[in-house]
Amino acid sequence: MFEAQEIKNGEVKTHQISIPEERIIPVYLNGRELVTLTASPGDLEELALGFLVSEGLVDTPDLIKKISVDESGSIWLETRKKISHCAARRRILTSGCGKGVVFEVSSGFKKIARRARISFEKLAELVRMGLKQTEEIKQSRGLHSAFLASSQEILSLKVDIGRHNAVDKVIGEAFKGGFLKKATILATTGRASSEIVFKTLRAGIPILVSLSSPTDAAVELADDYRLTLVGYARLNRVIIFTHSWRITCNGTRSC
């Protein structure tokens, strides 16, 4: 459970919020690390087997000699014949449909120093504008969108089948166009998991907004690195999980 602040119709309330769990899950194949997944900590054997099948490493259950999950949550598989390790480097497959790849980074992130602030009213307006623009350019359902905004306007908006891809696109456009430092807000229609926090930190953006839920790992990272993390964003409500001082309510005071 995490303590968070809800703003609804101008009123501020504190709640205990239950949010999805996210864990780093190493997978070892015949004694060697094959891949590291980020995933929910349940059905781990099925997760590993599904990964091997979907990656084309096994095609029959008879190939699996043994599978187990240790106390740390690592998955160990043994096969009846040698299978080539397809990963030359240790990598993390993100929770974005199991296909986004993020190379492991254990250090090098800097705390967000920017003290940018925005009113709840303006934030709600930008979310409304972003959703409207997204619907105008979407031709089908099943797409995620992301946008970058200053404290006054939307700077870039992209859609993609993957939430990570949409985030990368808006950051890339801002980097190429030379206006990344103007961005105060990164907003995504997808879940705010740890890898989205990593991308936001690398870009130096102080406020991350998700229309969905953050994970517990994302909340902890955001708190550590002075990132304002907002979840469940709607037209008249947001839930601020970390560093709420960047969002002002009723004109002047922090929420």
Protein backbone atom coordinates (compact mmCIF):
# COMPACT_ATOMS: atom_id res chain seq x y z
CA MET A 1 0.00 0.00 0.00
CA PHE A 2 1.16 3.52 -0.82
CA GLU A 3 -0.04 6.79 0.62
CA ALA A 4 -1.14 9.16 -2.13
CA GLN A 5 -3.12 12.34 -2.55
CA GLU A 6 -6.31 12.53 -4.60
CA ILE A 7 -7.59 15.79 -6.04
CA LYS A 8 -11.24 15.68 -7.04
CA ASN A 9 -13.42 18.70 -7.74
CA GLY A 10 -10.90 20.92 -6.02
CA GLU A 11 -10.76 18.88 -2.80
CA VAL A 12 -7.62 17.11 -1.60
CA LYS A 13 -7.81 13.76 0.22
CA THR A 14 -5.13 11.29 1.33
CA HIS A 15 -5.66 7.62 0.56
CA GLN A 16 -3.88 4.30 0.94
CA ILE A 17 -3.61 3.00 -2.63
CA SER A 18 -2.92 -0.58 -3.72
CA ILE A 19 -0.99 -0.70 -7.01
CA PRO A 20 0.42 -3.48 -9.22
CA GLU A 21 3.65 -5.19 -8.23
CA GLU A 22 6.68 -5.20 -10.51
CA ARG A 23 9.73 -7.40 -10.05
CA ILE A 24 12.98 -8.06 -11.90
CA ILE A 25 13.02 -11.78 -12.79
CA PRO A 26 16.29 -13.37 -13.96
CA VAL A 27 15.87 -16.47 -16.14
CA TYR A 28 18.69 -19.02 -16.20
CA LEU A 29 18.90 -21.61 -18.96
CA ASN A 30 21.16 -24.60 -18.34
CA GLY A 31 23.10 -22.71 -15.67
CA ARG A 32 23.63 -19.49 -17.65
CA GLU A 33 21.59 -16.32 -17.48
CA LEU A 34 19.47 -16.01 -20.59
CA VAL A 35 17.43 -12.88 -19.97
CA THR A 36 16.01 -10.69 -17.23
CA LEU A 37 12.29 -9.94 -17.33
CA THR A 38 10.29 -7.28 -15.54
CA ALA A 39 6.95 -8.76 -14.62
CA SER A 40 4.34 -9.34 -11.93
CA PRO A 41 5.58 -11.89 -9.36
CA GLY A 42 3.08 -14.65 -10.13
CA ASP A 43 2.94 -17.65 -12.50
CA LEU A 44 6.69 -17.40 -13.02
CA GLU A 45 7.18 -20.87 -14.45
CA GLU A 46 4.51 -20.18 -17.07
CA LEU A 47 6.16 -16.84 -17.78
CA ALA A 48 9.53 -18.45 -18.48
CA LEU A 49 8.11 -21.24 -20.59
CA GLY A 50 6.00 -18.82 -22.60
CA PHE A 51 9.07 -16.71 -23.24
CA LEU A 52 11.07 -19.70 -24.50
CA VAL A 53 8.24 -20.72 -26.81
CA SER A 54 7.56 -17.23 -28.15
CA GLU A 55 11.28 -16.71 -28.80
CA GLY A 56 11.46 -19.96 -30.74
CA LEU A 57 13.88 -21.66 -28.31
CA VAL A 58 11.67 -24.68 -27.59
CA ASP A 59 8.89 -26.26 -29.59
CA THR A 60 7.88 -29.23 -27.43
CA PRO A 61 7.43 -29.80 -23.67
CA ASP A 62 9.67 -32.85 -23.93
CA LEU A 63 12.69 -30.55 -24.23
CA ILE A 64 12.18 -29.24 -20.68
CA LYS A 65 13.98 -31.39 -18.14
CA LYS A 66 13.42 -29.26 -15.05
CA ILE A 67 12.05 -25.85 -14.08
CA SER A 68 12.06 -24.19 -10.67
CA VAL A 69 11.75 -20.81 -8.99
CA ASP A 70 14.09 -20.04 -6.11
CA GLU A 71 13.42 -17.89 -3.05
CA SER A 72 14.76 -14.76 -4.74
CA GLY A 73 12.32 -15.15 -7.63
CA SER A 74 14.92 -16.33 -10.16
CA ILE A 75 13.77 -18.96 -12.64
CA TRP A 76 15.98 -21.95 -13.45
CA LEU A 77 15.43 -24.14 -16.49
CA GLU A 78 17.23 -27.24 -17.70
CA THR A 79 16.69 -28.74 -21.12
CA ARG A 80 17.38 -32.24 -22.42
CA LYS A 81 19.57 -30.91 -25.21
CA LYS A 82 21.73 -27.82 -25.57
CA ILE A 83 19.99 -24.61 -26.61
CA SER A 84 22.03 -21.69 -27.91
CA HIS A 85 21.82 -18.52 -25.85
CA CYS A 86 20.52 -15.84 -28.19
CA ALA A 87 21.46 -12.91 -25.91
CA ALA A 88 25.05 -11.72 -26.06
CA ARG A 89 24.46 -9.16 -23.32
CA ARG A 90 22.41 -9.17 -20.16
CA ARG A 91 19.16 -7.43 -20.98
CA ILE A 92 15.81 -6.65 -19.46
CA LEU A 93 12.59 -7.34 -21.32
CA THR A 94 10.17 -4.74 -20.12
CA SER A 95 6.61 -5.31 -18.96
CA GLY A 96 5.32 -3.60 -22.13
CA CYS A 97 3.90 -6.72 -23.75
CA GLY A 98 7.20 -8.52 -23.18
CA LYS A 99 8.90 -7.08 -26.24
CA GLY A 100 10.58 -3.84 -25.16
CA VAL A 101 14.26 -4.36 -24.38
CA VAL A 102 16.16 -2.24 -21.88
CA PHE A 103 19.83 -2.91 -21.11
CA GLU A 104 20.42 -3.01 -17.40
CA VAL A 105 21.51 0.25 -15.78
CA SER A 106 22.36 0.20 -12.09
CA SER A 107 23.70 3.73 -11.66
CA GLY A 108 24.24 7.03 -13.42
CA PHE A 109 20.82 8.58 -12.89
CA LYS A 110 20.68 12.07 -11.46
CA LYS A 111 17.99 13.46 -9.24
CA ILE A 112 15.64 15.88 -10.99
CA ALA A 113 16.83 19.34 -9.99
CA ARG A 114 14.22 21.38 -11.86
CA ARG A 115 11.69 23.00 -9.54
CA ALA A 116 9.07 23.50 -12.27
CA ARG A 117 5.49 23.77 -11.04
CA ILE A 118 2.10 23.57 -12.69
CA SER A 119 -1.42 24.10 -11.42
CA PHE A 120 -3.82 21.19 -11.24
CA GLU A 121 -6.20 23.14 -13.48
CA LYS A 122 -3.55 23.58 -16.19
CA LEU A 123 -2.45 19.97 -15.90
CA ALA A 124 -6.05 18.82 -16.37
CA GLU A 125 -6.37 21.10 -19.41
CA LEU A 126 -3.22 19.65 -21.00
CA VAL A 127 -4.43 16.10 -20.37
CA ARG A 128 -7.76 16.99 -21.99
CA MET A 129 -5.98 18.52 -25.01
CA GLY A 130 -3.69 15.52 -25.34
CA LEU A 131 -6.56 13.05 -25.24
CA LYS A 132 -8.47 15.07 -27.83
CA GLN A 133 -5.51 15.18 -30.19
CA THR A 134 -4.87 11.48 -29.68
CA GLU A 135 -8.45 10.59 -30.64
CA GLU A 136 -8.18 12.80 -33.71
CA ILE A 137 -5.12 10.98 -35.07
CA LYS A 138 -5.98 7.43 -33.96
CA GLN A 139 -7.51 5.25 -36.65
CA SER A 140 -8.03 2.18 -34.51
CA ARG A 141 -8.10 1.10 -30.90
CA GLY A 142 -5.20 -0.65 -29.22
CA LEU A 143 -2.76 2.24 -29.58
CA HIS A 144 -0.91 3.98 -26.79
CA SER A 145 -0.12 7.67 -26.93
CA ALA A 146 2.38 9.92 -25.23
CA PHE A 147 2.94 13.64 -25.22
CA LEU A 148 5.45 16.16 -23.99
CA ALA A 149 4.26 19.51 -22.70
CA SER A 150 5.65 22.69 -21.24
CA SER A 151 3.75 24.32 -18.41
CA GLN A 152 1.58 25.99 -21.04
CA GLU A 153 1.26 23.85 -24.18
CA ILE A 154 1.73 20.45 -25.77
CA LEU A 155 5.08 20.25 -27.55
CA SER A 156 4.91 16.80 -29.14
CA LEU A 157 2.36 13.99 -29.33
CA LYS A 158 2.84 10.52 -30.81
CA VAL A 159 0.95 7.23 -30.94
CA ASP A 160 2.26 3.69 -31.25
CA ILE A 161 1.21 0.13 -30.49
CA GLY A 162 3.73 0.12 -27.62
CA ARG A 163 3.72 2.60 -24.77
CA HIS A 164 7.52 2.57 -24.69
CA ASN A 165 7.70 3.34 -28.39
CA ALA A 166 5.33 6.29 -28.08
CA VAL A 167 7.43 7.69 -25.22
CA ASP A 168 10.64 7.24 -27.21
CA LYS A 169 9.10 9.00 -30.21
CA VAL A 170 8.14 12.18 -28.36
CA ILE A 171 11.49 12.34 -26.57
CA GLY A 172 13.28 11.76 -29.87
CA GLU A 173 11.33 14.48 -31.64
CA ALA A 174 12.05 16.94 -28.83
CA PHE A 175 15.74 16.01 -28.82
CA LYS A 176 16.00 16.41 -32.60
CA GLY A 177 14.08 19.68 -32.55
CA GLY A 178 16.09 21.15 -29.69
CA PHE A 179 13.15 21.71 -27.34
CA LEU A 180 13.57 18.84 -24.89
CA LYS A 181 14.62 21.20 -22.10
CA LYS A 182 11.31 23.05 -22.47
CA ALA A 183 9.38 19.91 -21.55
CA THR A 184 7.95 19.92 -18.04
CA ILE A 185 5.54 16.99 -18.41
CA LEU A 186 5.73 13.58 -20.03
CA ALA A 187 2.29 11.97 -20.25
CA THR A 188 1.43 8.43 -21.33
CA THR A 189 -1.79 6.48 -21.71
CA GLY A 190 0.09 3.38 -20.58
CA ARG A 191 1.06 2.10 -17.17
CA ALA A 192 3.93 3.98 -15.50
CA SER A 193 6.38 1.18 -14.77
CA SER A 194 10.04 1.46 -13.83
CA GLU A 195 11.30 1.56 -17.42
CA ILE A 196 9.07 4.55 -18.19
CA VAL A 197 10.51 6.26 -15.10
CA PHE A 198 14.01 5.49 -16.40
CA LYS A 199 13.21 7.15 -19.74
CA THR A 200 11.76 10.20 -17.98
CA LEU A 201 14.82 10.55 -15.75
CA ARG A 202 17.20 10.24 -18.69
CA ALA A 203 15.31 13.01 -20.48
CA GLY A 204 15.41 15.23 -17.38
CA ILE A 205 11.64 15.77 -17.32
CA PRO A 206 10.33 16.62 -13.82
CA ILE A 207 6.71 15.40 -14.06
CA LEU A 208 5.50 12.02 -15.34
CA VAL A 209 1.75 11.59 -15.84
CA SER A 210 -0.02 8.31 -16.55
CA LEU A 211 -3.68 7.72 -17.30
CA SER A 212 -3.18 4.31 -15.74
CA SER A 213 -1.47 3.00 -12.62
CA PRO A 214 2.18 3.18 -11.63
CA THR A 215 3.93 0.10 -10.29
CA ASP A 216 5.48 -0.06 -6.85
CA ALA A 217 8.99 -0.01 -8.33
CA ALA A 218 8.13 3.11 -10.34
CA VAL A 219 6.86 4.92 -7.24
CA GLU A 220 10.00 4.07 -5.28
CA LEU A 221 12.31 5.19 -8.12
CA ALA A 222 10.39 8.42 -8.66
CA ASP A 223 10.54 9.22 -4.97
CA ASP A 224 14.28 8.56 -4.82
CA TYR A 225 15.07 10.73 -7.85
CA ARG A 226 12.75 13.69 -7.11
CA LEU A 227 10.41 12.92 -9.98
CA THR A 228 6.77 13.91 -9.60
CA LEU A 229 4.73 10.83 -10.51
CA VAL A 230 1.03 11.27 -11.26
CA GLY A 231 -1.30 8.36 -11.94
CA TYR A 232 -4.94 7.75 -12.86
CA ALA A 233 -5.11 11.15 -14.56
CA ARG A 234 -8.62 12.20 -15.55
CA LEU A 235 -10.25 15.48 -16.47
CA ASN A 236 -11.19 16.35 -12.89
CA ARG A 237 -8.91 14.09 -10.87
CA VAL A 238 -5.30 12.98 -10.51
CA ILE A 239 -3.50 10.92 -7.88
CA ILE A 240 -0.03 12.21 -7.02
CA PHE A 241 2.29 9.51 -5.71
CA THR A 242 5.56 11.41 -5.28
CA HIS A 243 6.79 15.01 -4.87
CA SER A 244 3.35 16.59 -4.94
CA TRP A 245 4.86 20.06 -4.34
CA ARG A 246 5.20 20.51 -8.11
CA ILE A 247 1.39 20.48 -8.49
CA THR A 248 -0.39 23.52 -7.06
CA CYS A 249 -4.02 23.66 -5.95
CA ASN A 250 -6.36 26.62 -5.54
CA GLY A 251 -3.97 29.06 -7.09
CA THR A 252 -0.93 28.99 -4.82
CA ARG A 253 -0.51 26.19 -2.32
CA SER A 254 0.97 22.78 -3.11
CA CYS A 255 -1.44 19.88 -3.20
